[in-house]
Amino acid sequence: MEKYVIAMTYGKTPVLRSVVEFGERVIYLALPGQEFEREVPPVSVGFPNEFVFEHDERLFADLEKAARDSDQSALDSLWKSARPIRPI
């Protein structure tokens, strides 16, 4: 079962991703729905731990709207309410 998270990208833009692996200082994330086969690991990108948060549909929708509207104040406030991810 995939674990979805919200990651903060450049400009504080939110993206929905799946956790591939927890590293010491980064969390490796992939696009949701990517096949997870043992022989061929999914293509993943490492995000600093502090930029990865628990999935919350409402928060993600609000973050996407604030990013689309270029509302930096709303983005700052919304990201402060996000819950940091904890290893599975």
PDB file of N, CA and C in Angstrom:
ATOM      1  N   MET A   1       0.843  -1.187   0.000  1.00  0.00           N
ATOM      2  CA  MET A   1       0.000   0.000   0.000  1.00  0.00           C
ATOM      3  C   MET A   1       0.884   1.245   0.000  1.00  0.00           C
ATOM      4  N   GLU A   2       0.556   2.162  -0.891  1.00  0.00           N
ATOM      5  CA  GLU A   2       1.349   3.374  -0.998  1.00  0.00           C
ATOM      6  C   GLU A   2       1.036   4.334   0.140  1.00  0.00           C
ATOM      7  N   LYS A   3       2.058   5.036   0.594  1.00  0.00           N
ATOM      8  CA  LYS A   3       1.902   6.085   1.609  1.00  0.00           C
ATOM      9  C   LYS A   3       2.041   7.410   0.883  1.00  0.00           C
ATOM     10  N   TYR A   4       0.947   8.177   0.808  1.00  0.00           N
ATOM     11  CA  TYR A   4       0.977   9.470   0.148  1.00  0.00           C
ATOM     12  C   TYR A   4       1.409  10.553   1.120  1.00  0.00           C
ATOM     13  N   VAL A   5       2.131  11.531   0.574  1.00  0.00           N
ATOM     14  CA  VAL A   5       2.599  12.670   1.356  1.00  0.00           C
ATOM     15  C   VAL A   5       2.461  13.925   0.510  1.00  0.00           C
ATOM     16  N   ILE A   6       2.573  15.059   1.170  1.00  0.00           N
ATOM     17  CA  ILE A   6       2.635  16.347   0.484  1.00  0.00           C
ATOM     18  C   ILE A   6       4.078  16.831   0.611  1.00  0.00           C
ATOM     19  N   ALA A   7       4.672  17.188  -0.528  1.00  0.00           N
ATOM     20  CA  ALA A   7       6.041  17.707  -0.503  1.00  0.00           C
ATOM     21  C   ALA A   7       6.029  19.161  -0.956  1.00  0.00           C
ATOM     22  N   MET A   8       6.894  19.947  -0.327  1.00  0.00           N
ATOM     23  CA  MET A   8       7.033  21.353  -0.682  1.00  0.00           C
ATOM     24  C   MET A   8       8.153  21.470  -1.718  1.00  0.00           C
ATOM     25  N   THR A   9       7.823  22.045  -2.875  1.00  0.00           N
ATOM     26  CA  THR A   9       8.810  22.222  -3.933  1.00  0.00           C
ATOM     27  C   THR A   9       9.184  23.698  -4.053  1.00  0.00           C
ATOM     28  N   TYR A  10       9.928  24.016  -5.088  1.00  0.00           N
ATOM     29  CA  TYR A  10      10.366  25.392  -5.334  1.00  0.00           C
ATOM     30  C   TYR A  10       9.181  26.348  -5.299  1.00  0.00           C
ATOM     31  N   GLY A  11       9.336  27.460  -4.624  1.00  0.00           N
ATOM     32  CA  GLY A  11       8.268  28.441  -4.519  1.00  0.00           C
ATOM     33  C   GLY A  11       7.162  28.041  -3.563  1.00  0.00           C
ATOM     34  N   LYS A  12       7.447  27.031  -2.728  1.00  0.00           N
ATOM     35  CA  LYS A  12       6.486  26.500  -1.760  1.00  0.00           C
ATOM     36  C   LYS A  12       5.268  25.866  -2.423  1.00  0.00           C
ATOM     37  N   THR A  13       5.435  25.431  -3.669  1.00  0.00           N
ATOM     38  CA  THR A  13       4.365  24.752  -4.395  1.00  0.00           C
ATOM     39  C   THR A  13       4.223  23.329  -3.867  1.00  0.00           C
ATOM     40  N   PRO A  14       2.992  22.877  -3.601  1.00  0.00           N
ATOM     41  CA  PRO A  14       2.785  21.517  -3.092  1.00  0.00           C
ATOM     42  C   PRO A  14       2.707  20.493  -4.223  1.00  0.00           C
ATOM     43  N   VAL A  15       3.210  19.294  -3.966  1.00  0.00           N
ATOM     44  CA  VAL A  15       3.029  18.167  -4.873  1.00  0.00           C
ATOM     45  C   VAL A  15       2.649  16.950  -4.045  1.00  0.00           C
ATOM     46  N   LEU A  16       1.817  16.091  -4.629  1.00  0.00           N
ATOM     47  CA  LEU A  16       1.428  14.845  -3.981  1.00  0.00           C
ATOM     48  C   LEU A  16       2.373  13.759  -4.479  1.00  0.00           C
ATOM     49  N   ARG A  17       2.987  13.013  -3.561  1.00  0.00           N
ATOM     50  CA  ARG A  17       3.941  11.974  -3.929  1.00  0.00           C
ATOM     51  C   ARG A  17       3.755  10.750  -3.050  1.00  0.00           C
ATOM     52  N   SER A  18       4.398   9.664  -3.452  1.00  0.00           N
ATOM     53  CA  SER A  18       4.403   8.403  -2.694  1.00  0.00           C
ATOM     54  C   SER A  18       5.779   8.220  -2.085  1.00  0.00           C
ATOM     55  N   VAL A  19       5.818   7.706  -0.864  1.00  0.00           N
ATOM     56  CA  VAL A  19       7.089   7.442  -0.193  1.00  0.00           C
ATOM     57  C   VAL A  19       7.683   6.157  -0.764  1.00  0.00           C
ATOM     58  N   VAL A  20       8.957   6.225  -1.151  1.00  0.00           N
ATOM     59  CA  VAL A  20       9.691   5.059  -1.617  1.00  0.00           C
ATOM     60  C   VAL A  20      10.574   4.535  -0.493  1.00  0.00           C
ATOM     61  N   GLU A  21      11.270   5.473   0.162  1.00  0.00           N
ATOM     62  CA  GLU A  21      12.214   5.069   1.211  1.00  0.00           C
ATOM     63  C   GLU A  21      12.530   6.265   2.107  1.00  0.00           C
ATOM     64  N   PHE A  22      12.743   5.961   3.383  1.00  0.00           N
ATOM     65  CA  PHE A  22      13.173   6.985   4.337  1.00  0.00           C
ATOM     66  C   PHE A  22      14.685   6.900   4.473  1.00  0.00           C
ATOM     67  N   GLY A  23      15.367   7.996   4.192  1.00  0.00           N
ATOM     68  CA  GLY A  23      16.804   8.069   4.400  1.00  0.00           C
ATOM     69  C   GLY A  23      17.082   8.783   5.707  1.00  0.00           C
ATOM     70  N   GLU A  24      18.354   8.991   5.986  1.00  0.00           N
ATOM     71  CA  GLU A  24      18.715   9.660   7.238  1.00  0.00           C
ATOM     72  C   GLU A  24      18.289  11.126   7.249  1.00  0.00           C
ATOM     73  N   ARG A  25      18.546  11.831   6.122  1.00  0.00           N
ATOM     74  CA  ARG A  25      18.202  13.255   6.064  1.00  0.00           C
ATOM     75  C   ARG A  25      17.243  13.596   4.927  1.00  0.00           C
ATOM     76  N   VAL A  26      16.936  12.602   4.091  1.00  0.00           N
ATOM     77  CA  VAL A  26      16.006  12.832   2.987  1.00  0.00           C
ATOM     78  C   VAL A  26      14.984  11.702   2.933  1.00  0.00           C
ATOM     79  N   ILE A  27      13.876  12.001   2.305  1.00  0.00           N
ATOM     80  CA  ILE A  27      12.844  11.000   2.063  1.00  0.00           C
ATOM     81  C   ILE A  27      12.729  10.879   0.549  1.00  0.00           C
ATOM     82  N   TYR A  28      12.824   9.655   0.045  1.00  0.00           N
ATOM     83  CA  TYR A  28      12.763   9.426  -1.388  1.00  0.00           C
ATOM     84  C   TYR A  28      11.304   9.264  -1.801  1.00  0.00           C
ATOM     85  N   LEU A  29      10.900  10.099  -2.769  1.00  0.00           N
ATOM     86  CA  LEU A  29       9.511  10.155  -3.198  1.00  0.00           C
ATOM     87  C   LEU A  29       9.392   9.863  -4.687  1.00  0.00           C
ATOM     88  N   ALA A  30       8.255   9.301  -5.069  1.00  0.00           N
ATOM     89  CA  ALA A  30       7.962   9.003  -6.473  1.00  0.00           C
ATOM     90  C   ALA A  30       6.559   9.489  -6.800  1.00  0.00           C
ATOM     91  N   LEU A  31       6.251   9.503  -8.084  1.00  0.00           N
ATOM     92  CA  LEU A  31       4.903   9.863  -8.507  1.00  0.00           C
ATOM     93  C   LEU A  31       3.910   8.825  -7.993  1.00  0.00           C
ATOM     94  N   PRO A  32       2.740   9.247  -7.545  1.00  0.00           N
ATOM     95  CA  PRO A  32       1.738   8.283  -7.092  1.00  0.00           C
ATOM     96  C   PRO A  32       1.374   7.316  -8.223  1.00  0.00           C
ATOM     97  N   GLY A  33       1.152   6.056  -7.850  1.00  0.00           N
ATOM     98  CA  GLY A  33       0.739   5.069  -8.819  1.00  0.00           C
ATOM     99  C   GLY A  33       1.866   4.389  -9.555  1.00  0.00           C
ATOM    100  N   GLN A  34       3.108   4.831  -9.341  1.00  0.00           N
ATOM    101  CA  GLN A  34       4.245   4.179  -9.984  1.00  0.00           C
ATOM    102  C   GLN A  34       4.357   2.755  -9.458  1.00  0.00           C
ATOM    103  N   GLU A  35       4.666   1.816 -10.324  1.00  0.00           N
ATOM    104  CA  GLU A  35       4.786   0.421  -9.905  1.00  0.00           C
ATOM    105  C   GLU A  35       5.980   0.246  -8.977  1.00  0.00           C
ATOM    106  N   PHE A  36       5.783  -0.481  -7.888  1.00  0.00           N
ATOM    107  CA  PHE A  36       6.849  -0.754  -6.929  1.00  0.00           C
ATOM    108  C   PHE A  36       7.240  -2.218  -7.061  1.00  0.00           C
ATOM    109  N   GLU A  37       8.203  -2.489  -7.928  1.00  0.00           N
ATOM    110  CA  GLU A  37       8.695  -3.848  -8.111  1.00  0.00           C
ATOM    111  C   GLU A  37      10.070  -3.953  -7.482  1.00  0.00           C
ATOM    112  N   ARG A  38      10.347  -5.070  -6.864  1.00  0.00           N
ATOM    113  CA  ARG A  38      11.633  -5.250  -6.205  1.00  0.00           C
ATOM    114  C   ARG A  38      12.798  -5.225  -7.185  1.00  0.00           C
ATOM    115  N   GLU A  39      12.618  -5.784  -8.394  1.00  0.00           N
ATOM    116  CA  GLU A  39      13.707  -5.841  -9.361  1.00  0.00           C
ATOM    117  C   GLU A  39      14.036  -4.466  -9.943  1.00  0.00           C
ATOM    118  N   VAL A  40      12.998  -3.660 -10.151  1.00  0.00           N
ATOM    119  CA  VAL A  40      13.184  -2.343 -10.752  1.00  0.00           C
ATOM    120  C   VAL A  40      12.542  -1.310  -9.838  1.00  0.00           C
ATOM    121  N   PRO A  41      13.353  -0.647  -9.017  1.00  0.00           N
ATOM    122  CA  PRO A  41      12.771   0.352  -8.115  1.00  0.00           C
ATOM    123  C   PRO A  41      12.217   1.541  -8.900  1.00  0.00           C
ATOM    124  N   PRO A  42      11.202   2.204  -8.370  1.00  0.00           N
ATOM    125  CA  PRO A  42      10.642   3.368  -9.062  1.00  0.00           C
ATOM    126  C   PRO A  42      11.650   4.510  -9.100  1.00  0.00           C
ATOM    127  N   VAL A  43      11.504   5.354 -10.097  1.00  0.00           N
ATOM    128  CA  VAL A  43      12.336   6.550 -10.167  1.00  0.00           C
ATOM    129  C   VAL A  43      11.898   7.441  -9.012  1.00  0.00           C
ATOM    130  N   SER A  44      12.853   7.852  -8.200  1.00  0.00           N
ATOM    131  CA  SER A  44      12.496   8.660  -7.033  1.00  0.00           C
ATOM    132  C   SER A  44      13.440   9.851  -6.909  1.00  0.00           C
ATOM    133  N   VAL A  45      12.973  10.822  -6.149  1.00  0.00           N
ATOM    134  CA  VAL A  45      13.742  12.039  -5.876  1.00  0.00           C
ATOM    135  C   VAL A  45      13.805  12.209  -4.370  1.00  0.00           C
ATOM    136  N   GLY A  46      14.978  12.549  -3.862  1.00  0.00           N
ATOM    137  CA  GLY A  46      15.133  12.778  -2.431  1.00  0.00           C
ATOM    138  C   GLY A  46      14.732  14.194  -2.047  1.00  0.00           C
ATOM    139  N   PHE A  47      13.824  14.296  -1.094  1.00  0.00           N
ATOM    140  CA  PHE A  47      13.408  15.592  -0.551  1.00  0.00           C
ATOM    141  C   PHE A  47      13.927  15.692   0.873  1.00  0.00           C
ATOM    142  N   PRO A  48      14.436  16.857   1.288  1.00  0.00           N
ATOM    143  CA  PRO A  48      14.827  17.018   2.689  1.00  0.00           C
ATOM    144  C   PRO A  48      13.643  16.697   3.604  1.00  0.00           C
ATOM    145  N   ASN A  49      13.921  16.047   4.712  1.00  0.00           N
ATOM    146  CA  ASN A  49      12.866  15.643   5.652  1.00  0.00           C
ATOM    147  C   ASN A  49      11.918  16.789   5.992  1.00  0.00           C
ATOM    148  N   GLU A  50      12.471  17.984   6.156  1.00  0.00           N
ATOM    149  CA  GLU A  50      11.644  19.117   6.591  1.00  0.00           C
ATOM    150  C   GLU A  50      10.701  19.638   5.504  1.00  0.00           C
ATOM    151  N   PHE A  51      10.780  19.086   4.271  1.00  0.00           N
ATOM    152  CA  PHE A  51       9.904  19.512   3.184  1.00  0.00           C
ATOM    153  C   PHE A  51       8.839  18.464   2.855  1.00  0.00           C
ATOM    154  N   VAL A  52       8.676  17.453   3.722  1.00  0.00           N
ATOM    155  CA  VAL A  52       7.719  16.378   3.466  1.00  0.00           C
ATOM    156  C   VAL A  52       6.742  16.286   4.639  1.00  0.00           C
ATOM    157  N   PHE A  53       5.438  16.239   4.304  1.00  0.00           N
ATOM    158  CA  PHE A  53       4.393  16.326   5.322  1.00  0.00           C
ATOM    159  C   PHE A  53       3.336  15.239   5.133  1.00  0.00           C
ATOM    160  N   GLU A  54       2.618  14.950   6.213  1.00  0.00           N
ATOM    161  CA  GLU A  54       1.526  13.980   6.186  1.00  0.00           C
ATOM    162  C   GLU A  54       0.498  14.412   5.136  1.00  0.00           C
ATOM    163  N   HIS A  55      -0.078  13.433   4.470  1.00  0.00           N
ATOM    164  CA  HIS A  55      -1.098  13.720   3.472  1.00  0.00           C
ATOM    165  C   HIS A  55      -2.389  14.168   4.151  1.00  0.00           C
ATOM    166  N   ASP A  56      -2.956  15.245   3.644  1.00  0.00           N
ATOM    167  CA  ASP A  56      -4.220  15.786   4.124  1.00  0.00           C
ATOM    168  C   ASP A  56      -4.894  16.392   2.889  1.00  0.00           C
ATOM    169  N   GLU A  57      -5.980  15.765   2.434  1.00  0.00           N
ATOM    170  CA  GLU A  57      -6.619  16.189   1.181  1.00  0.00           C
ATOM    171  C   GLU A  57      -7.047  17.656   1.207  1.00  0.00           C
ATOM    172  N   ARG A  58      -7.628  18.062   2.314  1.00  0.00           N
ATOM    173  CA  ARG A  58      -8.107  19.452   2.420  1.00  0.00           C
ATOM    174  C   ARG A  58      -6.938  20.435   2.368  1.00  0.00           C
ATOM    175  N   LEU A  59      -5.896  20.143   3.132  1.00  0.00           N
ATOM    176  CA  LEU A  59      -4.717  21.005   3.145  1.00  0.00           C
ATOM    177  C   LEU A  59      -4.093  21.071   1.758  1.00  0.00           C
ATOM    178  N   PHE A  60      -3.979  19.914   1.091  1.00  0.00           N
ATOM    179  CA  PHE A  60      -3.380  19.891  -0.242  1.00  0.00           C
ATOM    180  C   PHE A  60      -4.181  20.768  -1.208  1.00  0.00           C
ATOM    181  N   ALA A  61      -5.502  20.669  -1.163  1.00  0.00           N
ATOM    182  CA  ALA A  61      -6.350  21.486  -2.038  1.00  0.00           C
ATOM    183  C   ALA A  61      -6.163  22.977  -1.740  1.00  0.00           C
ATOM    184  N   ASP A  62      -6.091  23.320  -0.465  1.00  0.00           N
ATOM    185  CA  ASP A  62      -5.885  24.724  -0.087  1.00  0.00           C
ATOM    186  C   ASP A  62      -4.511  25.222  -0.521  1.00  0.00           C
ATOM    187  N   LEU A  63      -3.493  24.370  -0.373  1.00  0.00           N
ATOM    188  CA  LEU A  63      -2.137  24.738  -0.812  1.00  0.00           C
ATOM    189  C   LEU A  63      -2.091  24.940  -2.325  1.00  0.00           C
ATOM    190  N   GLU A  64      -2.736  24.037  -3.069  1.00  0.00           N
ATOM    191  CA  GLU A  64      -2.762  24.170  -4.531  1.00  0.00           C
ATOM    192  C   GLU A  64      -3.431  25.480  -4.948  1.00  0.00           C
ATOM    193  N   LYS A  65      -4.531  25.821  -4.303  1.00  0.00           N
ATOM    194  CA  LYS A  65      -5.239  27.060  -4.634  1.00  0.00           C
ATOM    195  C   LYS A  65      -4.364  28.274  -4.330  1.00  0.00           C
ATOM    196  N   ALA A  66      -3.738  28.280  -3.158  1.00  0.00           N
ATOM    197  CA  ALA A  66      -2.869  29.405  -2.790  1.00  0.00           C
ATOM    198  C   ALA A  66      -1.700  29.528  -3.767  1.00  0.00           C
ATOM    199  N   ALA A  67      -1.136  28.399  -4.201  1.00  0.00           N
ATOM    200  CA  ALA A  67      -0.029  28.425  -5.161  1.00  0.00           C
ATOM    201  C   ALA A  67      -0.507  28.963  -6.513  1.00  0.00           C
ATOM    202  N   ARG A  68      -1.678  28.500  -6.978  1.00  0.00           N
ATOM    203  CA  ARG A  68      -2.238  28.989  -8.249  1.00  0.00           C
ATOM    204  C   ARG A  68      -2.497  30.491  -8.200  1.00  0.00           C
ATOM    205  N   ASP A  69      -2.976  30.960  -7.036  1.00  0.00           N
ATOM    206  CA  ASP A  69      -3.291  32.381  -6.861  1.00  0.00           C
ATOM    207  C   ASP A  69      -2.059  33.215  -6.515  1.00  0.00           C
ATOM    208  N   SER A  70      -0.898  32.566  -6.395  1.00  0.00           N
ATOM    209  CA  SER A  70       0.346  33.243  -5.989  1.00  0.00           C
ATOM    210  C   SER A  70       0.166  33.999  -4.679  1.00  0.00           C
ATOM    211  N   ASP A  71      -0.581  33.399  -3.753  1.00  0.00           N
ATOM    212  CA  ASP A  71      -0.858  34.005  -2.453  1.00  0.00           C
ATOM    213  C   ASP A  71       0.191  33.528  -1.441  1.00  0.00           C
ATOM    214  N   GLN A  72       1.299  34.236  -1.388  1.00  0.00           N
ATOM    215  CA  GLN A  72       2.431  33.837  -0.545  1.00  0.00           C
ATOM    216  C   GLN A  72       2.066  33.814   0.933  1.00  0.00           C
ATOM    217  N   SER A  73       1.251  34.756   1.365  1.00  0.00           N
ATOM    218  CA  SER A  73       0.833  34.807   2.762  1.00  0.00           C
ATOM    219  C   SER A  73       0.042  33.553   3.135  1.00  0.00           C
ATOM    220  N   ALA A  74      -0.892  33.161   2.266  1.00  0.00           N
ATOM    221  CA  ALA A  74      -1.678  31.948   2.523  1.00  0.00           C
ATOM    222  C   ALA A  74      -0.795  30.714   2.502  1.00  0.00           C
ATOM    223  N   LEU A  75       0.149  30.650   1.545  1.00  0.00           N
ATOM    224  CA  LEU A  75       1.066  29.509   1.486  1.00  0.00           C
ATOM    225  C   LEU A  75       1.859  29.386   2.781  1.00  0.00           C
ATOM    226  N   ASP A  76       2.412  30.503   3.243  1.00  0.00           N
ATOM    227  CA  ASP A  76       3.192  30.482   4.484  1.00  0.00           C
ATOM    228  C   ASP A  76       2.355  29.957   5.647  1.00  0.00           C
ATOM    229  N   SER A  77       1.147  30.455   5.770  1.00  0.00           N
ATOM    230  CA  SER A  77       0.264  30.049   6.863  1.00  0.00           C
ATOM    231  C   SER A  77      -0.121  28.572   6.748  1.00  0.00           C
ATOM    232  N   LEU A  78      -0.477  28.138   5.552  1.00  0.00           N
ATOM    233  CA  LEU A  78      -0.885  26.746   5.350  1.00  0.00           C
ATOM    234  C   LEU A  78       0.261  25.772   5.616  1.00  0.00           C
ATOM    235  N   TRP A  79       1.465  26.083   5.126  1.00  0.00           N
ATOM    236  CA  TRP A  79       2.598  25.189   5.369  1.00  0.00           C
ATOM    237  C   TRP A  79       2.903  25.073   6.860  1.00  0.00           C
ATOM    238  N   LYS A  80       2.682  26.145   7.616  1.00  0.00           N
ATOM    239  CA  LYS A  80       2.916  26.087   9.060  1.00  0.00           C
ATOM    240  C   LYS A  80       1.963  25.116   9.743  1.00  0.00           C
ATOM    241  N   SER A  81       0.792  24.888   9.143  1.00  0.00           N
ATOM    242  CA  SER A  81      -0.180  23.984   9.737  1.00  0.00           C
ATOM    243  C   SER A  81       0.044  22.525   9.332  1.00  0.00           C
ATOM    244  N   ALA A  82       0.926  22.293   8.360  1.00  0.00           N
ATOM    245  CA  ALA A  82       1.182  20.919   7.883  1.00  0.00           C
ATOM    246  C   ALA A  82       1.934  20.115   8.949  1.00  0.00           C
ATOM    247  N   ARG A  83       1.600  18.822   9.032  1.00  0.00           N
ATOM    248  CA  ARG A  83       2.237  17.932  10.010  1.00  0.00           C
ATOM    249  C   ARG A  83       3.422  17.218   9.366  1.00  0.00           C
ATOM    250  N   PRO A  84       4.613  17.345   9.941  1.00  0.00           N
ATOM    251  CA  PRO A  84       5.788  16.660   9.384  1.00  0.00           C
ATOM    252  C   PRO A  84       5.559  15.150   9.317  1.00  0.00           C
ATOM    253  N   ILE A  85       6.123  14.539   8.303  1.00  0.00           N
ATOM    254  CA  ILE A  85       5.987  13.088   8.112  1.00  0.00           C
ATOM    255  C   ILE A  85       6.844  12.352   9.137  1.00  0.00           C
ATOM    256  N   ARG A  86       6.363  11.220   9.552  1.00  0.00           N
ATOM    257  CA  ARG A  86       7.111  10.340  10.470  1.00  0.00           C
ATOM    258  C   ARG A  86       7.387   9.034   9.730  1.00  0.00           C
ATOM    259  N   PRO A  87       8.549   8.450   9.916  1.00  0.00           N
ATOM    260  CA  PRO A  87       8.836   7.171   9.248  1.00  0.00           C
ATOM    261  C   PRO A  87       7.789   6.122   9.570  1.00  0.00           C
ATOM    262  N   ILE A  88       7.515   5.272   8.581  1.00  0.00           N
ATOM    263  CA  ILE A  88       6.521   4.203   8.718  1.00  0.00           C
ATOM    264  C   ILE A  88       7.061   3.125   9.647  1.00  0.00           C
TER     265      ILE A  88
END
